[in-house]
Every structure is written in structure tokens, then in C-alpha cells.
Amino acid sequence: MLKPLMIGLASLLTLAGCQHIPLSPPASIVLLGEVHDHPQGHQERLSLLMQYINAGWRPVLVMEQFDRERQPQLDQAMQQCGDADCVIQAAGSTRWEWPYYKPVIAMALQYHLPILAANVSRNDAGRIMRDGFAAALDASTRQHYQLDVPLASDLVEQQQQAIMQGHCNALPVTVARKMVDAQVARDVWMAKLLSEHASQGAVLLAGNGHVQRGIGVPRWLKMTRQDFQSIGFIETSQADMTSYDRVIHLPTHARPDPCQAVPKA
């Protein structure tokens, strides 16, 4: 038997950044970003999601943290497991800090919320970088999201810049350009899953880069004409506060400079 999550509605309302967000979901699709290593950000995102659950919403959870080819194992685990550790062991990879995500998975088990594995895996991303979108995306998806024609120049430029910055400006430009296609494939796949489950309600849990309106999942959701809202969980030290419908501010999380020891390209 699952232990109920010990999160009271009153305590949820007191958390910083969440006070002025309505209890009911703002759209049929809600995109909730994250700074992957920010403990308070994960806590506040869970608290916001619990507000929606306490208001009666029962959405599908679309999670970047599970690779899409693990969906059968994830489905079986959600049916058979009694706790989040069991689900993670059955369907998770070793690349994520799972203690941050265990409360979300426990919530999904408690409230019988489906979880969809949304990540285009590293293997599929590598195939796309080498051979194009057709290497890992079906023809229907490519056609619907217009991936059989060159990507818009503004999208390529902004995604490439974000990728270079995320890799400490140490990547060769040619490699960064190929990584743009992998990032687009991930965003498109997430948008596809969200739009397919909009009638029930769907929540995306992914990095802030994926939920940006200009270059992330929202760009592709616009093609489906679905109602959505993007919420970024942004550290105060980060400059871009304008790429989301709503921003929840987070204090800067102390961490070593990841670029200090990286040689420049």
C-alpha cells in the first residue's frame, strides 16, 4: 500500500513563487520546466503540480527522464510496483538524479496517473545527428511537424547558441549544428505526446530549455492548435525570464563552475 504524500494544501500555498498561481490548471497542457540539479526547484514544481491534483485534475505525466523505448517497462512497472524505487529500477536510466523525481513518481502511483516516456534516447539522437530525422522519427511525425524541409533559420540559430552555451562554448560548430536536430527531435516528440493526450490533460516535466516558447516544445505545439501554458523554474542568476508564460523564481543553487576545467574549442 502506498503511503499518502504528506503535502498539505495549506503548506503548498506558502511556498515561494507559487502563491499567485491558480489552483486549477491554466490550460489542458501545462509545461513545467526545471533546473536539473536544483532541489528547491523540484520541490516547488511538485507543490504546484499537487495544487492541480488537489483541485481534481488527473493529467497524463509526460516525462523527459524516461527514454521512449522504455515505455513497455514503464507501463508494466506502473501497474505492478508499489513504490517509486521499483518503477525507476524497472524503466529508468542511470543518467538522472532520481531522488529528485521519486516524489513525482510516487504521486503518479498514488493518484493512478499515467506516465509517458518522452525522451528521444541518446542512441536515437545519435542516429538523427548522423542520418537525419528519418533515422528515428516516423514519416507521419516528420510530415506533421514539417521536418522534411530545412529547419527555420531562427530556430537553428537560437538552438545552436543554447547548445554551445550549455557545453561551455567548447563544441565545434559543426557538431553543435548536428545536435540541433537531436534537440528538435526531442521537442517534437514531446509535443506529439502532449497533443495526443490533451483531452485528458497533460503535463510535461522537462528542462527549462524544452519548455521555452520560441525554440522548445511550445514552438511545435502551436502547430497542433492545442491550448497550453509554459512555466519556467528559473534561477535569479539566469538572464532570460521572457521565454515562458509564467516564471517561478528560484534562488541561485551553489554548484561548481562546470566550465572551469573545460578546454575551449
C-alpha atoms as a PDB file:
ATOM      1  CA  MET A   1       0.000   0.000   0.000  1.00  0.00           C
ATOM      2  CA  LEU A   2       1.391   3.413  -0.921  1.00  0.00           C
ATOM      3  CA  LYS A   3       1.836   5.940   1.855  1.00  0.00           C
ATOM      4  CA  PRO A   4      -0.024   9.178   1.038  1.00  0.00           C
ATOM      5  CA  LEU A   5       2.210  12.081   0.107  1.00  0.00           C
ATOM      6  CA  MET A   6       2.496  14.316   3.150  1.00  0.00           C
ATOM      7  CA  ILE A   7       1.887  17.575   1.328  1.00  0.00           C
ATOM      8  CA  GLY A   8      -0.966  19.664   2.664  1.00  0.00           C
ATOM      9  CA  LEU A   9      -2.713  22.208   0.506  1.00  0.00           C
ATOM     10  CA  ALA A  10      -2.134  24.956   3.051  1.00  0.00           C
ATOM     11  CA  SER A  11       1.617  24.372   3.070  1.00  0.00           C
ATOM     12  CA  LEU A  12       1.687  24.314  -0.714  1.00  0.00           C
ATOM     13  CA  LEU A  13       0.294  27.825  -0.861  1.00  0.00           C
ATOM     14  CA  THR A  14       3.081  29.206   1.294  1.00  0.00           C
ATOM     15  CA  LEU A  15       5.941  28.134  -0.935  1.00  0.00           C
ATOM     16  CA  ALA A  16       7.868  30.952  -2.576  1.00  0.00           C
ATOM     17  CA  GLY A  17       6.942  31.578  -6.169  1.00  0.00           C
ATOM     18  CA  CYS A  18       3.702  29.617  -6.066  1.00  0.00           C
ATOM     19  CA  GLN A  19       1.446  31.981  -4.116  1.00  0.00           C
ATOM     20  CA  HIS A  20      -0.209  33.641  -7.098  1.00  0.00           C
ATOM     21  CA  ILE A  21      -0.665  30.619  -9.352  1.00  0.00           C
ATOM     22  CA  PRO A  22      -4.274  29.426  -9.605  1.00  0.00           C
ATOM     23  CA  LEU A  23      -5.197  26.117  -8.040  1.00  0.00           C
ATOM     24  CA  SER A  24      -6.758  24.798 -11.235  1.00  0.00           C
ATOM     25  CA  PRO A  25      -4.576  24.078 -14.274  1.00  0.00           C
ATOM     26  CA  PRO A  26      -4.262  27.074 -16.596  1.00  0.00           C
ATOM     27  CA  ALA A  27      -4.600  25.000 -19.790  1.00  0.00           C
ATOM     28  CA  SER A  28      -5.216  21.467 -20.995  1.00  0.00           C
ATOM     29  CA  ILE A  29      -1.443  21.146 -21.494  1.00  0.00           C
ATOM     30  CA  VAL A  30       0.977  22.524 -18.916  1.00  0.00           C
ATOM     31  CA  LEU A  31       4.730  22.571 -19.463  1.00  0.00           C
ATOM     32  CA  LEU A  32       6.723  22.602 -16.216  1.00  0.00           C
ATOM     33  CA  GLY A  33      10.432  23.291 -16.592  1.00  0.00           C
ATOM     34  CA  GLU A  34      13.291  22.545 -14.269  1.00  0.00           C
ATOM     35  CA  VAL A  35      16.904  23.277 -13.465  1.00  0.00           C
ATOM     36  CA  HIS A  36      18.008  19.672 -13.289  1.00  0.00           C
ATOM     37  CA  ASP A  37      20.151  19.961 -10.134  1.00  0.00           C
ATOM     38  CA  HIS A  38      18.070  22.486  -8.177  1.00  0.00           C
ATOM     39  CA  PRO A  39      16.478  20.811  -5.111  1.00  0.00           C
ATOM     40  CA  GLN A  40      14.149  23.696  -4.263  1.00  0.00           C
ATOM     41  CA  GLY A  41      13.022  23.932  -7.882  1.00  0.00           C
ATOM     42  CA  HIS A  42      11.981  20.298  -7.863  1.00  0.00           C
ATOM     43  CA  GLN A  43      10.127  20.791  -4.585  1.00  0.00           C
ATOM     44  CA  GLU A  44       8.258  23.850  -5.818  1.00  0.00           C
ATOM     45  CA  ARG A  45       7.327  22.176  -9.089  1.00  0.00           C
ATOM     46  CA  LEU A  46       5.915  19.183  -7.219  1.00  0.00           C
ATOM     47  CA  SER A  47       3.993  21.543  -4.939  1.00  0.00           C
ATOM     48  CA  LEU A  48       2.454  23.315  -7.916  1.00  0.00           C
ATOM     49  CA  LEU A  49       1.510  20.043  -9.525  1.00  0.00           C
ATOM     50  CA  MET A  50      -0.050  18.888  -6.260  1.00  0.00           C
ATOM     51  CA  GLN A  51      -2.202  22.008  -6.245  1.00  0.00           C
ATOM     52  CA  TYR A  52      -3.653  20.914  -9.577  1.00  0.00           C
ATOM     53  CA  ILE A  53      -4.125  17.342  -8.331  1.00  0.00           C
ATOM     54  CA  ASN A  54      -5.856  18.535  -5.153  1.00  0.00           C
ATOM     55  CA  ALA A  55      -8.173  20.579  -7.360  1.00  0.00           C
ATOM     56  CA  GLY A  56      -9.242  17.357  -9.074  1.00  0.00           C
ATOM     57  CA  TRP A  57      -7.106  17.333 -12.221  1.00  0.00           C
ATOM     58  CA  ARG A  58      -5.834  13.918 -13.316  1.00  0.00           C
ATOM     59  CA  PRO A  59      -3.424  14.526 -16.212  1.00  0.00           C
ATOM     60  CA  VAL A  60      -1.009  12.298 -18.025  1.00  0.00           C
ATOM     61  CA  LEU A  61       2.571  12.965 -16.932  1.00  0.00           C
ATOM     62  CA  VAL A  62       4.971  13.256 -19.865  1.00  0.00           C
ATOM     63  CA  MET A  63       8.499  12.885 -18.500  1.00  0.00           C
ATOM     64  CA  GLU A  64      11.796  13.689 -20.181  1.00  0.00           C
ATOM     65  CA  GLN A  65      13.545  11.458 -17.653  1.00  0.00           C
ATOM     66  CA  PHE A  66      12.359   8.194 -19.245  1.00  0.00           C
ATOM     67  CA  ASP A  67      13.564   7.134 -22.702  1.00  0.00           C
ATOM     68  CA  ARG A  68      10.661   6.470 -25.044  1.00  0.00           C
ATOM     69  CA  GLU A  69      11.720   2.883 -25.857  1.00  0.00           C
ATOM     70  CA  ARG A  70      11.259   2.020 -22.171  1.00  0.00           C
ATOM     71  CA  GLN A  71       7.502   2.668 -22.321  1.00  0.00           C
ATOM     72  CA  PRO A  72       6.546  -1.030 -22.103  1.00  0.00           C
ATOM     73  CA  GLN A  73       8.680  -1.496 -18.987  1.00  0.00           C
ATOM     74  CA  LEU A  74       7.307   1.745 -17.553  1.00  0.00           C
ATOM     75  CA  ASP A  75       3.700   0.696 -18.164  1.00  0.00           C
ATOM     76  CA  GLN A  76       4.291  -2.662 -16.509  1.00  0.00           C
ATOM     77  CA  ALA A  77       6.046  -1.072 -13.548  1.00  0.00           C
ATOM     78  CA  MET A  78       3.246   1.440 -13.011  1.00  0.00           C
ATOM     79  CA  GLN A  79       0.811  -1.475 -12.855  1.00  0.00           C
ATOM     80  CA  GLN A  80       2.883  -3.756 -10.655  1.00  0.00           C
ATOM     81  CA  CYS A  81       5.164  -1.609  -8.490  1.00  0.00           C
ATOM     82  CA  GLY A  82       4.258  -0.418  -5.040  1.00  0.00           C
ATOM     83  CA  ASP A  83       6.794   2.402  -4.821  1.00  0.00           C
ATOM     84  CA  ALA A  84       8.823   4.785  -6.938  1.00  0.00           C
ATOM     85  CA  ASP A  85      12.109   2.925  -6.464  1.00  0.00           C
ATOM     86  CA  CYS A  86      10.607  -0.103  -8.162  1.00  0.00           C
ATOM     87  CA  VAL A  87       9.464   1.995 -11.145  1.00  0.00           C
ATOM     88  CA  ILE A  88      12.860   3.631 -11.508  1.00  0.00           C
ATOM     89  CA  GLN A  89      14.667   0.313 -11.329  1.00  0.00           C
ATOM     90  CA  ALA A  90      12.400  -1.140 -13.997  1.00  0.00           C
ATOM     91  CA  ALA A  91      12.384   1.717 -16.502  1.00  0.00           C
ATOM     92  CA  GLY A  92      14.896   4.404 -15.563  1.00  0.00           C
ATOM     93  CA  SER A  93      18.421   5.017 -16.804  1.00  0.00           C
ATOM     94  CA  THR A  94      21.466   5.922 -14.735  1.00  0.00           C
ATOM     95  CA  ARG A  95      21.803   9.444 -16.168  1.00  0.00           C
ATOM     96  CA  TRP A  96      19.324  11.170 -13.844  1.00  0.00           C
ATOM     97  CA  GLU A  97      19.391  12.141 -10.171  1.00  0.00           C
ATOM     98  CA  TRP A  98      16.345  10.029  -9.352  1.00  0.00           C
ATOM     99  CA  PRO A  99      15.827  11.238  -5.756  1.00  0.00           C
ATOM    100  CA  TYR A 100      14.546  14.483  -7.314  1.00  0.00           C
ATOM    101  CA  TYR A 101      11.894  12.585  -9.292  1.00  0.00           C
ATOM    102  CA  LYS A 102      10.823   9.929  -6.794  1.00  0.00           C
ATOM    103  CA  PRO A 103       8.114  12.154  -5.227  1.00  0.00           C
ATOM    104  CA  VAL A 104       6.565  12.778  -8.659  1.00  0.00           C
ATOM    105  CA  ILE A 105       6.515   9.068  -9.451  1.00  0.00           C
ATOM    106  CA  ALA A 106       5.084   8.309  -6.001  1.00  0.00           C
ATOM    107  CA  MET A 107       2.357  10.864  -6.653  1.00  0.00           C
ATOM    108  CA  ALA A 108       1.581   9.236 -10.001  1.00  0.00           C
ATOM    109  CA  LEU A 109       1.270   5.854  -8.325  1.00  0.00           C
ATOM    110  CA  GLN A 110      -0.927   7.223  -5.554  1.00  0.00           C
ATOM    111  CA  TYR A 111      -3.328   9.004  -7.914  1.00  0.00           C
ATOM    112  CA  HIS A 112      -3.122   6.491 -10.775  1.00  0.00           C
ATOM    113  CA  LEU A 113      -1.696   8.997 -13.234  1.00  0.00           C
ATOM    114  CA  PRO A 114      -0.187   7.521 -16.409  1.00  0.00           C
ATOM    115  CA  ILE A 115       3.452   8.324 -17.088  1.00  0.00           C
ATOM    116  CA  LEU A 116       4.672   8.602 -20.669  1.00  0.00           C
ATOM    117  CA  ALA A 117       8.343   8.167 -21.501  1.00  0.00           C
ATOM    118  CA  ALA A 118       9.140  11.230 -23.606  1.00  0.00           C
ATOM    119  CA  ASN A 119      12.874  11.318 -24.208  1.00  0.00           C
ATOM    120  CA  VAL A 120      14.405  10.528 -27.585  1.00  0.00           C
ATOM    121  CA  SER A 121      17.292   8.442 -26.306  1.00  0.00           C
ATOM    122  CA  ARG A 122      20.965   9.126 -26.867  1.00  0.00           C
ATOM    123  CA  ASN A 123      21.109   6.256 -29.326  1.00  0.00           C
ATOM    124  CA  ASP A 124      18.269   7.654 -31.418  1.00  0.00           C
ATOM    125  CA  ALA A 125      19.674  11.165 -31.104  1.00  0.00           C
ATOM    126  CA  GLY A 126      22.985   9.905 -32.445  1.00  0.00           C
ATOM    127  CA  ARG A 127      21.247   8.325 -35.417  1.00  0.00           C
ATOM    128  CA  ILE A 128      19.463  11.585 -36.154  1.00  0.00           C
ATOM    129  CA  MET A 129      22.723  13.511 -35.970  1.00  0.00           C
ATOM    130  CA  ARG A 130      24.301  11.144 -38.482  1.00  0.00           C
ATOM    131  CA  ASP A 131      21.418  10.393 -40.825  1.00  0.00           C
ATOM    132  CA  GLY A 132      18.682  12.965 -40.275  1.00  0.00           C
ATOM    133  CA  PHE A 133      15.205  12.857 -38.738  1.00  0.00           C
ATOM    134  CA  ALA A 134      14.109   9.824 -40.745  1.00  0.00           C
ATOM    135  CA  ALA A 135      16.588   7.710 -38.799  1.00  0.00           C
ATOM    136  CA  ALA A 136      14.426   7.817 -35.655  1.00  0.00           C
ATOM    137  CA  LEU A 137      11.131   9.607 -36.383  1.00  0.00           C
ATOM    138  CA  ASP A 138       8.298   8.038 -38.367  1.00  0.00           C
ATOM    139  CA  ALA A 139       7.077   9.530 -41.623  1.00  0.00           C
ATOM    140  CA  SER A 140       3.784  10.745 -40.163  1.00  0.00           C
ATOM    141  CA  THR A 141       5.551  12.704 -37.423  1.00  0.00           C
ATOM    142  CA  ARG A 142       8.045  14.201 -39.831  1.00  0.00           C
ATOM    143  CA  GLN A 143       5.283  15.262 -42.187  1.00  0.00           C
ATOM    144  CA  HIS A 144       3.033  16.733 -39.496  1.00  0.00           C
ATOM    145  CA  TYR A 145       5.824  18.797 -37.967  1.00  0.00           C
ATOM    146  CA  GLN A 146       7.372  19.714 -41.324  1.00  0.00           C
ATOM    147  CA  LEU A 147      10.705  18.068 -40.632  1.00  0.00           C
ATOM    148  CA  ASP A 148      11.226  17.011 -44.240  1.00  0.00           C
ATOM    149  CA  VAL A 149      12.110  20.601 -45.147  1.00  0.00           C
ATOM    150  CA  PRO A 150      15.019  22.667 -43.763  1.00  0.00           C
ATOM    151  CA  LEU A 151      14.515  23.983 -40.250  1.00  0.00           C
ATOM    152  CA  ALA A 152      13.786  27.689 -39.881  1.00  0.00           C
ATOM    153  CA  SER A 153      16.967  29.725 -39.604  1.00  0.00           C
ATOM    154  CA  ASP A 154      15.915  31.461 -36.385  1.00  0.00           C
ATOM    155  CA  LEU A 155      15.294  28.096 -34.715  1.00  0.00           C
ATOM    156  CA  VAL A 156      18.652  26.719 -35.818  1.00  0.00           C
ATOM    157  CA  GLU A 157      20.494  29.843 -34.707  1.00  0.00           C
ATOM    158  CA  GLN A 158      18.905  30.020 -31.269  1.00  0.00           C
ATOM    159  CA  GLN A 159      19.136  26.289 -30.574  1.00  0.00           C
ATOM    160  CA  GLN A 160      22.755  26.203 -31.695  1.00  0.00           C
ATOM    161  CA  GLN A 161      23.595  29.127 -29.444  1.00  0.00           C
ATOM    162  CA  ALA A 162      21.896  27.437 -26.485  1.00  0.00           C
ATOM    163  CA  ILE A 163      23.742  24.182 -27.166  1.00  0.00           C
ATOM    164  CA  MET A 164      27.089  25.961 -27.412  1.00  0.00           C
ATOM    165  CA  GLN A 165      26.471  27.808 -24.153  1.00  0.00           C
ATOM    166  CA  GLY A 166      25.347  24.601 -22.470  1.00  0.00           C
ATOM    167  CA  HIS A 167      28.630  22.975 -23.495  1.00  0.00           C
ATOM    168  CA  CYS A 168      30.814  25.870 -22.304  1.00  0.00           C
ATOM    169  CA  ASN A 169      31.391  27.031 -25.904  1.00  0.00           C
ATOM    170  CA  ALA A 170      33.749  24.072 -26.281  1.00  0.00           C
ATOM    171  CA  LEU A 171      31.961  22.266 -29.118  1.00  0.00           C
ATOM    172  CA  PRO A 172      32.939  22.549 -32.763  1.00  0.00           C
ATOM    173  CA  VAL A 173      30.202  24.490 -34.544  1.00  0.00           C
ATOM    174  CA  THR A 174      29.595  21.582 -36.927  1.00  0.00           C
ATOM    175  CA  VAL A 175      28.860  19.268 -34.013  1.00  0.00           C
ATOM    176  CA  ALA A 176      26.576  21.813 -32.359  1.00  0.00           C
ATOM    177  CA  ARG A 177      24.599  22.122 -35.591  1.00  0.00           C
ATOM    178  CA  LYS A 178      24.001  18.375 -35.700  1.00  0.00           C
ATOM    179  CA  MET A 179      22.940  18.458 -32.073  1.00  0.00           C
ATOM    180  CA  VAL A 180      20.271  20.981 -33.018  1.00  0.00           C
ATOM    181  CA  ASP A 181      18.494  18.239 -34.956  1.00  0.00           C
ATOM    182  CA  ALA A 182      18.613  15.916 -31.943  1.00  0.00           C
ATOM    183  CA  GLN A 183      17.190  18.640 -29.703  1.00  0.00           C
ATOM    184  CA  VAL A 184      14.432  19.402 -32.204  1.00  0.00           C
ATOM    185  CA  ALA A 185      13.556  15.699 -32.390  1.00  0.00           C
ATOM    186  CA  ARG A 186      13.164  15.581 -28.624  1.00  0.00           C
ATOM    187  CA  ASP A 187      10.967  18.670 -28.582  1.00  0.00           C
ATOM    188  CA  VAL A 188       8.824  17.389 -31.434  1.00  0.00           C
ATOM    189  CA  TRP A 189       8.323  14.016 -29.772  1.00  0.00           C
ATOM    190  CA  MET A 190       7.290  15.651 -26.501  1.00  0.00           C
ATOM    191  CA  ALA A 191       4.854  17.910 -28.365  1.00  0.00           C
ATOM    192  CA  LYS A 192       3.403  14.885 -30.146  1.00  0.00           C
ATOM    193  CA  LEU A 193       2.758  13.023 -26.881  1.00  0.00           C
ATOM    194  CA  LEU A 194       1.262  16.085 -25.209  1.00  0.00           C
ATOM    195  CA  SER A 195      -1.093  16.825 -28.086  1.00  0.00           C
ATOM    196  CA  GLU A 196      -2.233  13.197 -28.252  1.00  0.00           C
ATOM    197  CA  HIS A 197      -3.321  13.335 -24.594  1.00  0.00           C
ATOM    198  CA  ALA A 198      -4.619  16.891 -24.367  1.00  0.00           C
ATOM    199  CA  SER A 199      -8.216  15.715 -23.999  1.00  0.00           C
ATOM    200  CA  GLN A 200      -7.362  14.104 -20.637  1.00  0.00           C
ATOM    201  CA  GLY A 201      -4.903  16.830 -19.709  1.00  0.00           C
ATOM    202  CA  ALA A 202      -1.145  16.501 -19.958  1.00  0.00           C
ATOM    203  CA  VAL A 203       1.832  17.830 -18.030  1.00  0.00           C
ATOM    204  CA  LEU A 204       5.385  17.906 -19.356  1.00  0.00           C
ATOM    205  CA  LEU A 205       8.219  17.610 -16.854  1.00  0.00           C
ATOM    206  CA  ALA A 206      11.419  18.622 -18.623  1.00  0.00           C
ATOM    207  CA  GLY A 207      14.340  21.010 -18.535  1.00  0.00           C
ATOM    208  CA  ASN A 208      13.676  24.714 -18.947  1.00  0.00           C
ATOM    209  CA  GLY A 209      15.178  24.626 -22.427  1.00  0.00           C
ATOM    210  CA  HIS A 210      12.457  22.260 -23.596  1.00  0.00           C
ATOM    211  CA  VAL A 211       9.620  24.465 -22.348  1.00  0.00           C
ATOM    212  CA  GLN A 212      10.805  27.753 -23.881  1.00  0.00           C
ATOM    213  CA  ARG A 213       8.194  29.266 -26.156  1.00  0.00           C
ATOM    214  CA  GLY A 214      10.459  30.306 -29.012  1.00  0.00           C
ATOM    215  CA  ILE A 215      12.572  27.229 -29.581  1.00  0.00           C
ATOM    216  CA  GLY A 216      11.272  24.410 -27.391  1.00  0.00           C
ATOM    217  CA  VAL A 217       8.175  22.233 -27.236  1.00  0.00           C
ATOM    218  CA  PRO A 218       5.791  25.239 -27.449  1.00  0.00           C
ATOM    219  CA  ARG A 219       7.027  26.021 -30.956  1.00  0.00           C
ATOM    220  CA  TRP A 220       5.781  22.631 -32.107  1.00  0.00           C
ATOM    221  CA  LEU A 221       2.626  22.611 -30.000  1.00  0.00           C
ATOM    222  CA  LYS A 222       1.499  25.724 -31.853  1.00  0.00           C
ATOM    223  CA  MET A 223       1.254  23.550 -34.959  1.00  0.00           C
ATOM    224  CA  THR A 224      -1.286  21.309 -33.200  1.00  0.00           C
ATOM    225  CA  ARG A 225      -3.516  24.265 -32.166  1.00  0.00           C
ATOM    226  CA  GLN A 226      -3.642  22.958 -28.600  1.00  0.00           C
ATOM    227  CA  ASP A 227      -4.158  25.174 -25.571  1.00  0.00           C
ATOM    228  CA  PHE A 228      -1.050  25.197 -23.381  1.00  0.00           C
ATOM    229  CA  GLN A 229       0.917  27.185 -20.842  1.00  0.00           C
ATOM    230  CA  SER A 230       4.671  27.100 -20.259  1.00  0.00           C
ATOM    231  CA  ILE A 231       6.076  27.660 -16.758  1.00  0.00           C
ATOM    232  CA  GLY A 232       9.805  28.118 -16.272  1.00  0.00           C
ATOM    233  CA  PHE A 233      11.536  27.496 -12.962  1.00  0.00           C
ATOM    234  CA  ILE A 234      14.385  29.978 -13.292  1.00  0.00           C
ATOM    235  CA  GLU A 235      17.303  30.805 -11.058  1.00  0.00           C
ATOM    236  CA  THR A 236      17.573  34.510 -10.324  1.00  0.00           C
ATOM    237  CA  SER A 237      21.073  34.468 -11.791  1.00  0.00           C
ATOM    238  CA  GLN A 238      19.718  33.427 -15.177  1.00  0.00           C
ATOM    239  CA  ALA A 239      19.008  36.318 -17.504  1.00  0.00           C
ATOM    240  CA  ASP A 240      16.192  35.022 -19.705  1.00  0.00           C
ATOM    241  CA  MET A 241      12.863  35.469 -17.941  1.00  0.00           C
ATOM    242  CA  THR A 242      10.840  36.231 -21.067  1.00  0.00           C
ATOM    243  CA  SER A 243      10.636  32.863 -22.839  1.00  0.00           C
ATOM    244  CA  TYR A 244       7.806  31.475 -20.697  1.00  0.00           C
ATOM    245  CA  ASP A 245       4.180  32.279 -19.999  1.00  0.00           C
ATOM    246  CA  ARG A 246       4.982  32.298 -16.305  1.00  0.00           C
ATOM    247  CA  VAL A 247       8.222  32.251 -14.351  1.00  0.00           C
ATOM    248  CA  ILE A 248       8.778  30.897 -10.856  1.00  0.00           C
ATOM    249  CA  HIS A 249      11.961  32.450  -9.491  1.00  0.00           C
ATOM    250  CA  LEU A 250      14.479  30.272  -7.679  1.00  0.00           C
ATOM    251  CA  PRO A 251      17.500  31.298  -5.628  1.00  0.00           C
ATOM    252  CA  THR A 252      20.845  30.550  -7.203  1.00  0.00           C
ATOM    253  CA  HIS A 253      21.888  26.999  -6.341  1.00  0.00           C
ATOM    254  CA  ALA A 254      25.514  26.676  -5.224  1.00  0.00           C
ATOM    255  CA  ARG A 255      27.447  24.451  -7.614  1.00  0.00           C
ATOM    256  CA  PRO A 256      30.968  24.228  -9.036  1.00  0.00           C
ATOM    257  CA  ASP A 257      31.541  26.040 -12.307  1.00  0.00           C
ATOM    258  CA  PRO A 258      31.139  23.236 -14.870  1.00  0.00           C
ATOM    259  CA  CYS A 259      33.146  25.173 -17.461  1.00  0.00           C
ATOM    260  CA  GLN A 260      36.213  25.831 -15.326  1.00  0.00           C
ATOM    261  CA  ALA A 261      38.100  22.745 -16.441  1.00  0.00           C
ATOM    262  CA  VAL A 262      36.710  22.516 -19.981  1.00  0.00           C
ATOM    263  CA  PRO A 263      39.160  23.406 -22.785  1.00  0.00           C
ATOM    264  CA  LYS A 264      37.750  25.785 -25.365  1.00  0.00           C
ATOM    265  CA  ALA A 265      37.191  24.567 -28.922  1.00  0.00           C
END
